[in-house]
Amino acid sequence: MSSFPPLPAAQLLRLPTPAGAGYTLRLLPGAAPAPARPLTYAPWLYLQPAHQALQQWSEGEELHFYLETETHTVAQLAVYLSADGRAARSPGRAPFGAVQTAPDLPETALQAFLEAVETHLRARGVRQITLRPHAFAYEPAASARLTTVLGRLGYSIGPVEINSTLPLNRDYEAHLHPSERRRLRKCERHGLRFEQEPPLLLPLAYELIARCRQEKGKPLNMSLEQLQALFKALPRQVFLFSVRDAAGEWAAISVVLEVRPDVLYHFLPASPLAYNHLSPMVMLNGGLHAFGRASGMRLLDLGISALPTGVDESLLRFKRHLGAESGLKLTFSKVIW
């Protein structure tokens, strides 16, 4: 653990002037504190205290920075320190983290916020900062603004990942590649059907997900207990969906997260190799598209297509055949002294 003494319950930190005039920077240490003032934006799931409490960061300290006006919180950043206190990252354990702001926050205020955070981390002995924000498709304007500010502050970019999202304001089947449309029809002819499953089936679902990952040589970095805790803590934002065959057996399954009321994330997709000839994932994604569209959502996030050696071209091609659009998901890092 870091050798630094524990922080008091809260600290107010100095902001650069004149850009920081009219704002307060509040630091709340510890696991998943609630902001002191109401937010002016809908927070992403992974930035909410309920999810942050599940991330179980045990290496070093957690530091939660909030930029405030006299009445509201207009930006936030949670950073997680390494055991020796020399590295800071955001998120701790989540698909993304980093900064979220009010849509109308001036770029100058965002830069002042990040400069003040960096100054504080440097004083605490942090020597490297890594930030992994959401994909550009989530909020293109906010991503562009953050990229500009971080570039101005000397952050480097890498890795550059390709993220795939399905727009939900258009018809799913109409935008399928002809080969995937044929596979969808084949699933229908064989009696496959899309279903939402109750959480009590999580142990069986987890067993199938783990077996499918093992078949494909991919790790599963979440225990059954962690998955059950996720469903328990966020019952309205975590779902279990499946495709069953005519005999009622699972041909595909997935855990799906409501990242915000307008974005659905396909989190843990799995399908046994024995069903490859039917491609039930085409039907599963179609069902998720219909669910998200009926719920008034904007995007279905299919995640990145990555291998240890680079882009997973076959997976990326499959997502494009589903009608997904490709976009950037960037990681930023900076060495500070």
Protein backbone atom coordinates (compact mmCIF):
# COMPACT_ATOMS: atom_id res chain seq x y z
CA MET A 1 0.00 0.00 0.00
CA SER A 2 1.03 3.63 -0.42
CA SER A 3 3.08 5.12 2.44
CA PHE A 4 1.11 8.35 2.31
CA PRO A 5 -1.02 9.19 5.37
CA PRO A 6 -4.79 8.78 5.02
CA LEU A 7 -6.70 11.76 3.70
CA PRO A 8 -9.33 13.56 5.76
CA ALA A 9 -12.99 12.99 4.95
CA ALA A 10 -12.87 15.58 2.16
CA GLN A 11 -10.52 18.17 0.71
CA LEU A 12 -11.08 21.28 -1.35
CA LEU A 13 -8.24 21.67 -3.84
CA ARG A 14 -6.94 24.74 -5.61
CA LEU A 15 -7.92 25.26 -9.25
CA PRO A 16 -5.82 27.20 -11.78
CA THR A 17 -7.01 30.75 -12.43
CA PRO A 18 -8.69 32.34 -14.28
CA ALA A 19 -10.16 29.19 -15.91
CA GLY A 20 -11.13 27.71 -12.54
CA ALA A 21 -12.89 30.81 -11.28
CA GLY A 22 -16.41 30.05 -10.13
CA TYR A 23 -15.68 26.35 -9.56
CA THR A 24 -14.69 24.23 -6.57
CA LEU A 25 -12.66 21.01 -6.76
CA ARG A 26 -13.67 18.53 -4.08
CA LEU A 27 -11.69 15.36 -3.33
CA LEU A 28 -13.48 12.50 -1.60
CA PRO A 29 -11.28 9.52 -0.70
CA GLY A 30 -12.37 5.96 -0.07
CA ALA A 31 -14.53 3.46 -1.91
CA ALA A 32 -17.45 4.81 -3.96
CA PRO A 33 -18.48 8.02 -2.18
CA ALA A 34 -21.59 9.80 -3.39
CA PRO A 35 -21.06 13.31 -4.81
CA ALA A 36 -21.69 16.09 -2.34
CA ARG A 37 -23.81 18.10 -4.79
CA PRO A 38 -26.35 16.90 -7.38
CA LEU A 39 -25.06 16.03 -10.83
CA THR A 40 -25.99 18.04 -13.92
CA TYR A 41 -25.73 14.92 -16.13
CA ALA A 42 -26.79 11.28 -16.10
CA PRO A 43 -23.70 9.36 -14.92
CA TRP A 44 -22.43 6.33 -16.79
CA LEU A 45 -23.00 3.07 -14.94
CA TYR A 46 -19.30 2.56 -14.16
CA LEU A 47 -19.05 6.01 -12.55
CA GLN A 48 -21.97 5.43 -10.20
CA PRO A 49 -21.20 4.57 -6.55
CA ALA A 50 -23.19 1.32 -6.78
CA HIS A 51 -20.92 -0.02 -9.52
CA GLN A 52 -17.72 1.51 -8.15
CA ALA A 53 -18.33 -0.37 -4.90
CA LEU A 54 -18.29 -3.62 -6.89
CA GLN A 55 -14.95 -2.94 -8.56
CA GLN A 56 -13.14 -4.15 -5.41
CA TRP A 57 -9.94 -2.21 -5.90
CA SER A 58 -7.54 -3.68 -3.33
CA GLU A 59 -4.17 -2.41 -4.58
CA GLY A 60 -4.00 1.17 -3.35
CA GLU A 61 -6.18 4.14 -2.53
CA GLU A 62 -9.23 5.38 -4.43
CA LEU A 63 -9.52 9.11 -5.02
CA HIS A 64 -12.75 10.68 -6.29
CA PHE A 65 -12.53 14.20 -7.73
CA TYR A 66 -15.63 16.34 -8.30
CA LEU A 67 -15.79 19.73 -10.02
CA GLU A 68 -18.58 21.83 -8.55
CA THR A 69 -20.39 25.09 -8.99
CA GLU A 70 -22.14 26.67 -6.02
CA THR A 71 -25.09 24.33 -6.48
CA HIS A 72 -24.13 21.33 -8.65
CA THR A 73 -21.46 18.83 -9.66
CA VAL A 74 -20.41 19.44 -13.27
CA ALA A 75 -17.57 16.91 -13.72
CA GLN A 76 -16.08 13.86 -12.02
CA LEU A 77 -13.02 11.64 -12.20
CA ALA A 78 -12.24 8.62 -10.04
CA VAL A 79 -8.63 7.40 -9.99
CA TYR A 80 -7.25 4.20 -8.51
CA LEU A 81 -3.70 4.09 -7.20
CA SER A 82 -1.28 1.19 -7.46
CA ALA A 83 0.02 -0.48 -4.31
CA ASP A 84 3.16 1.68 -4.27
CA GLY A 85 1.19 4.85 -5.01
CA ARG A 86 3.22 5.68 -8.10
CA ALA A 87 0.64 4.89 -10.78
CA ALA A 88 -2.94 6.14 -11.10
CA ARG A 89 -5.55 4.77 -13.45
CA SER A 90 -9.19 5.21 -14.30
CA PRO A 91 -11.15 2.97 -14.31
CA GLY A 92 -10.07 0.52 -11.65
CA ARG A 93 -11.96 -2.56 -12.89
CA ALA A 94 -14.56 -1.59 -15.47
CA PRO A 95 -14.86 -1.31 -19.26
CA PHE A 96 -14.24 2.44 -19.03
CA GLY A 97 -13.92 5.29 -16.59
CA ALA A 98 -12.02 8.60 -16.78
CA VAL A 99 -13.87 11.91 -16.97
CA GLN A 100 -17.54 12.67 -17.33
CA THR A 101 -18.77 16.24 -17.51
CA ALA A 102 -21.83 18.35 -18.04
CA PRO A 103 -22.36 18.76 -21.80
CA ASP A 104 -21.96 22.53 -21.57
CA LEU A 105 -18.82 22.58 -19.40
CA PRO A 106 -16.33 24.98 -21.02
CA GLU A 107 -13.17 23.40 -22.40
CA THR A 108 -11.12 25.79 -20.28
CA ALA A 109 -12.85 24.56 -17.10
CA LEU A 110 -12.24 20.92 -18.09
CA GLN A 111 -8.55 21.68 -18.59
CA ALA A 112 -8.34 23.47 -15.23
CA PHE A 113 -10.00 20.45 -13.58
CA LEU A 114 -7.53 17.98 -15.10
CA GLU A 115 -4.53 20.21 -14.35
CA ALA A 116 -5.55 20.45 -10.68
CA VAL A 117 -6.02 16.68 -10.44
CA GLU A 118 -2.59 16.12 -11.98
CA THR A 119 -0.99 18.61 -9.59
CA HIS A 120 -2.48 16.81 -6.61
CA LEU A 121 -1.45 13.38 -7.85
CA ARG A 122 2.10 14.56 -8.53
CA ALA A 123 2.33 15.93 -4.98
CA ARG A 124 1.25 12.53 -3.66
CA GLY A 125 4.07 10.81 -5.53
CA VAL A 126 2.14 9.54 -8.56
CA ARG A 127 4.41 9.30 -11.60
CA GLN A 128 2.09 7.90 -14.27
CA ILE A 129 -1.58 8.48 -15.09
CA THR A 130 -3.66 6.27 -17.40
CA LEU A 131 -7.20 7.20 -18.47
CA ARG A 132 -9.57 4.99 -20.45
CA PRO A 133 -12.77 6.88 -21.34
CA HIS A 134 -15.82 5.59 -23.16
CA ALA A 135 -15.94 4.94 -26.90
CA PHE A 136 -16.36 7.95 -29.18
CA ALA A 137 -19.80 6.71 -30.31
CA TYR A 138 -21.26 7.28 -26.85
CA GLU A 139 -20.78 11.07 -26.89
CA PRO A 140 -18.72 12.17 -29.91
CA ALA A 141 -18.53 15.84 -28.93
CA ALA A 142 -17.43 15.06 -25.36
CA SER A 143 -14.84 12.55 -26.61
CA ALA A 144 -13.42 15.07 -29.09
CA ARG A 145 -13.22 17.76 -26.40
CA LEU A 146 -11.50 15.42 -23.92
CA THR A 147 -9.03 14.24 -26.59
CA THR A 148 -8.15 17.85 -27.41
CA VAL A 149 -7.60 18.80 -23.77
CA LEU A 150 -5.57 15.71 -22.92
CA GLY A 151 -3.42 16.27 -25.99
CA ARG A 152 -2.81 19.84 -24.88
CA LEU A 153 -1.76 18.54 -21.46
CA GLY A 154 0.81 16.17 -22.97
CA TYR A 155 -0.99 12.83 -22.81
CA SER A 156 -0.06 10.17 -25.36
CA ILE A 157 -2.60 7.85 -27.00
CA GLY A 158 -2.39 4.08 -26.98
CA PRO A 159 -3.69 1.56 -27.44
CA VAL A 160 -6.13 2.63 -30.14
CA GLU A 161 -9.01 0.13 -30.15
CA ILE A 162 -11.87 -0.37 -32.59
CA ASN A 163 -15.29 -0.34 -30.96
CA SER A 164 -18.52 -1.46 -32.65
CA THR A 165 -22.00 -0.06 -32.01
CA LEU A 166 -25.39 -0.80 -33.52
CA PRO A 167 -27.60 2.27 -33.95
CA LEU A 168 -31.06 1.45 -32.65
CA ASN A 169 -32.95 4.03 -34.70
CA ARG A 170 -32.93 1.81 -37.78
CA ASP A 171 -34.22 -1.62 -38.73
CA TYR A 172 -31.97 -4.53 -37.73
CA GLU A 173 -32.71 -6.97 -40.54
CA ALA A 174 -32.56 -4.32 -43.25
CA HIS A 175 -28.93 -3.58 -42.37
CA LEU A 176 -27.76 -7.20 -42.06
CA HIS A 177 -25.28 -8.51 -44.59
CA PRO A 178 -27.10 -11.01 -46.88
CA SER A 179 -25.11 -13.90 -45.37
CA GLU A 180 -26.21 -12.95 -41.84
CA ARG A 181 -29.80 -12.54 -42.97
CA ARG A 182 -29.70 -16.09 -44.30
CA ARG A 183 -28.33 -17.30 -40.95
CA LEU A 184 -31.12 -15.50 -39.11
CA ARG A 185 -33.69 -17.25 -41.29
CA LYS A 186 -31.94 -20.57 -40.62
CA CYS A 187 -32.22 -19.98 -36.87
CA GLU A 188 -35.94 -19.30 -37.28
CA ARG A 189 -36.47 -22.44 -39.37
CA HIS A 190 -34.77 -24.55 -36.69
CA GLY A 191 -37.08 -23.17 -34.01
CA LEU A 192 -34.57 -20.99 -32.14
CA ARG A 193 -36.08 -18.20 -30.07
CA PHE A 194 -34.84 -15.16 -28.13
CA GLU A 195 -35.67 -14.94 -24.42
CA GLN A 196 -34.99 -12.89 -21.30
CA GLU A 197 -33.91 -15.18 -18.47
CA PRO A 198 -34.44 -14.77 -14.70
CA PRO A 199 -31.36 -14.07 -12.53
CA LEU A 200 -31.90 -17.32 -10.62
CA LEU A 201 -30.41 -19.08 -13.66
CA LEU A 202 -27.11 -17.22 -13.26
CA PRO A 203 -25.14 -20.26 -11.98
CA LEU A 204 -26.11 -22.27 -15.07
CA ALA A 205 -25.50 -19.31 -17.36
CA TYR A 206 -22.08 -18.70 -15.82
CA GLU A 207 -21.18 -22.35 -16.32
CA LEU A 208 -22.06 -22.08 -20.02
CA ILE A 209 -20.15 -18.80 -20.44
CA ALA A 210 -17.07 -20.30 -18.78
CA ARG A 211 -17.27 -23.43 -20.95
CA CYS A 212 -17.61 -21.36 -24.15
CA ARG A 213 -14.64 -19.19 -23.16
CA GLN A 214 -12.59 -22.32 -22.52
CA GLU A 215 -13.58 -23.74 -25.92
CA LYS A 216 -12.30 -20.60 -27.61
CA GLY A 217 -9.22 -20.15 -25.43
CA LYS A 218 -10.43 -16.86 -23.95
CA PRO A 219 -10.13 -15.93 -20.26
CA LEU A 220 -13.12 -15.15 -18.05
CA ASN A 221 -12.06 -12.49 -15.57
CA MET A 222 -15.19 -12.50 -13.44
CA SER A 223 -16.28 -15.04 -10.84
CA LEU A 224 -19.82 -16.29 -10.40
CA GLU A 225 -19.94 -14.47 -7.05
CA GLN A 226 -18.97 -11.18 -8.71
CA LEU A 227 -21.59 -11.65 -11.41
CA GLN A 228 -24.29 -12.38 -8.84
CA ALA A 229 -23.23 -9.32 -6.85
CA LEU A 230 -23.60 -7.22 -10.01
CA PHE A 231 -27.18 -8.43 -10.53
CA LYS A 232 -28.02 -7.89 -6.87
CA ALA A 233 -26.60 -4.36 -6.70
CA LEU A 234 -28.01 -3.19 -10.06
CA PRO A 235 -31.20 -5.21 -10.67
CA ARG A 236 -32.68 -2.66 -13.10
CA GLN A 237 -29.51 -2.22 -15.16
CA VAL A 238 -28.25 -5.79 -15.62
CA PHE A 239 -30.04 -8.40 -17.72
CA LEU A 240 -29.63 -12.00 -18.80
CA PHE A 241 -30.73 -12.85 -22.35
CA SER A 242 -30.53 -16.07 -24.35
CA VAL A 243 -31.36 -17.89 -27.54
CA ARG A 244 -32.84 -21.34 -26.92
CA ASP A 245 -33.16 -24.11 -29.47
CA ALA A 246 -36.35 -26.05 -30.18
CA ALA A 247 -35.55 -28.43 -27.31
CA GLY A 248 -35.12 -25.57 -24.85
CA GLU A 249 -31.32 -25.79 -24.65
CA TRP A 250 -29.20 -22.66 -24.69
CA ALA A 251 -27.68 -21.96 -28.08
CA ALA A 252 -26.38 -18.53 -27.00
CA ILE A 253 -26.44 -16.41 -23.88
CA SER A 254 -25.29 -13.00 -22.76
CA VAL A 255 -25.16 -10.67 -19.79
CA VAL A 256 -26.22 -7.19 -20.90
CA LEU A 257 -25.75 -3.88 -19.08
CA GLU A 258 -27.69 -0.66 -19.32
CA VAL A 259 -24.71 1.69 -19.27
CA ARG A 260 -27.07 4.68 -19.29
CA PRO A 261 -30.76 4.92 -20.23
CA ASP A 262 -29.71 5.41 -23.87
CA VAL A 263 -26.91 2.80 -24.21
CA LEU A 264 -27.00 -1.00 -23.89
CA TYR A 265 -23.74 -2.97 -23.63
CA HIS A 266 -23.38 -6.60 -24.78
CA PHE A 267 -21.12 -7.66 -21.93
CA LEU A 268 -20.58 -11.44 -21.81
CA PRO A 269 -21.72 -13.07 -25.07
CA ALA A 270 -21.26 -16.84 -25.34
CA SER A 271 -22.33 -19.60 -27.71
CA PRO A 272 -21.12 -23.23 -27.73
CA LEU A 273 -19.09 -24.29 -30.76
CA ALA A 274 -21.69 -27.00 -31.38
CA TYR A 275 -24.11 -24.28 -32.55
CA ASN A 276 -21.72 -22.57 -34.96
CA HIS A 277 -23.62 -24.00 -37.92
CA LEU A 278 -26.67 -21.95 -36.87
CA SER A 279 -24.92 -18.69 -35.80
CA PRO A 280 -27.40 -18.00 -32.95
CA MET A 281 -25.51 -14.78 -32.13
CA VAL A 282 -27.23 -13.16 -35.11
CA MET A 283 -30.59 -13.85 -33.46
CA LEU A 284 -29.34 -12.85 -30.01
CA ASN A 285 -28.13 -9.47 -31.26
CA GLY A 286 -31.41 -9.01 -33.11
CA GLY A 287 -33.29 -9.60 -29.88
CA LEU A 288 -31.08 -7.14 -28.02
CA HIS A 289 -31.61 -4.59 -30.80
CA ALA A 290 -35.38 -4.98 -30.43
CA PHE A 291 -35.20 -4.77 -26.62
CA GLY A 292 -33.05 -1.63 -26.71
CA ARG A 293 -35.21 0.03 -29.36
CA ALA A 294 -38.42 -0.73 -27.47
CA SER A 295 -36.81 0.74 -24.34
CA GLY A 296 -36.07 4.02 -26.12
CA MET A 297 -32.32 3.46 -26.27
CA ARG A 298 -29.93 4.89 -28.85
CA LEU A 299 -27.03 2.43 -29.10
CA LEU A 300 -26.21 -1.24 -28.63
CA ASP A 301 -22.51 -1.47 -27.83
CA LEU A 302 -20.93 -4.68 -29.13
CA GLY A 303 -17.55 -3.89 -27.57
CA ILE A 304 -14.04 -3.91 -28.99
CA SER A 305 -12.59 -6.51 -31.37
CA ALA A 306 -9.15 -7.16 -29.98
CA LEU A 307 -6.54 -9.89 -29.79
CA PRO A 308 -3.26 -9.73 -27.83
CA THR A 309 -1.58 -9.14 -31.20
CA GLY A 310 -3.99 -6.46 -32.45
CA VAL A 311 -7.41 -6.27 -34.08
CA ASP A 312 -9.53 -9.43 -34.28
CA GLU A 313 -10.40 -9.02 -37.94
CA SER A 314 -12.90 -11.90 -38.12
CA LEU A 315 -14.85 -10.63 -35.11
CA LEU A 316 -14.81 -7.07 -36.45
CA ARG A 317 -16.08 -8.33 -39.81
CA PHE A 318 -18.92 -10.22 -38.12
CA LYS A 319 -20.01 -7.10 -36.23
CA ARG A 320 -19.94 -5.06 -39.43
CA HIS A 321 -22.07 -7.74 -41.10
CA LEU A 322 -24.60 -7.17 -38.31
CA GLY A 323 -24.79 -3.53 -39.37
CA ALA A 324 -22.51 -2.20 -36.62
CA GLU A 325 -20.56 1.00 -37.11
CA SER A 326 -16.87 1.10 -36.16
CA GLY A 327 -15.42 3.85 -34.00
CA LEU A 328 -12.51 4.67 -31.74
CA LYS A 329 -11.94 3.76 -28.14
CA LEU A 330 -8.75 5.40 -26.88
CA THR A 331 -6.52 5.06 -23.85
CA PHE A 332 -4.49 8.08 -22.70
CA SER A 333 -1.36 8.05 -20.54
CA LYS A 334 1.14 10.55 -19.20
CA VAL A 335 4.35 10.36 -17.19
CA ILE A 336 4.50 13.16 -14.60
CA TRP A 337 7.41 14.29 -12.45
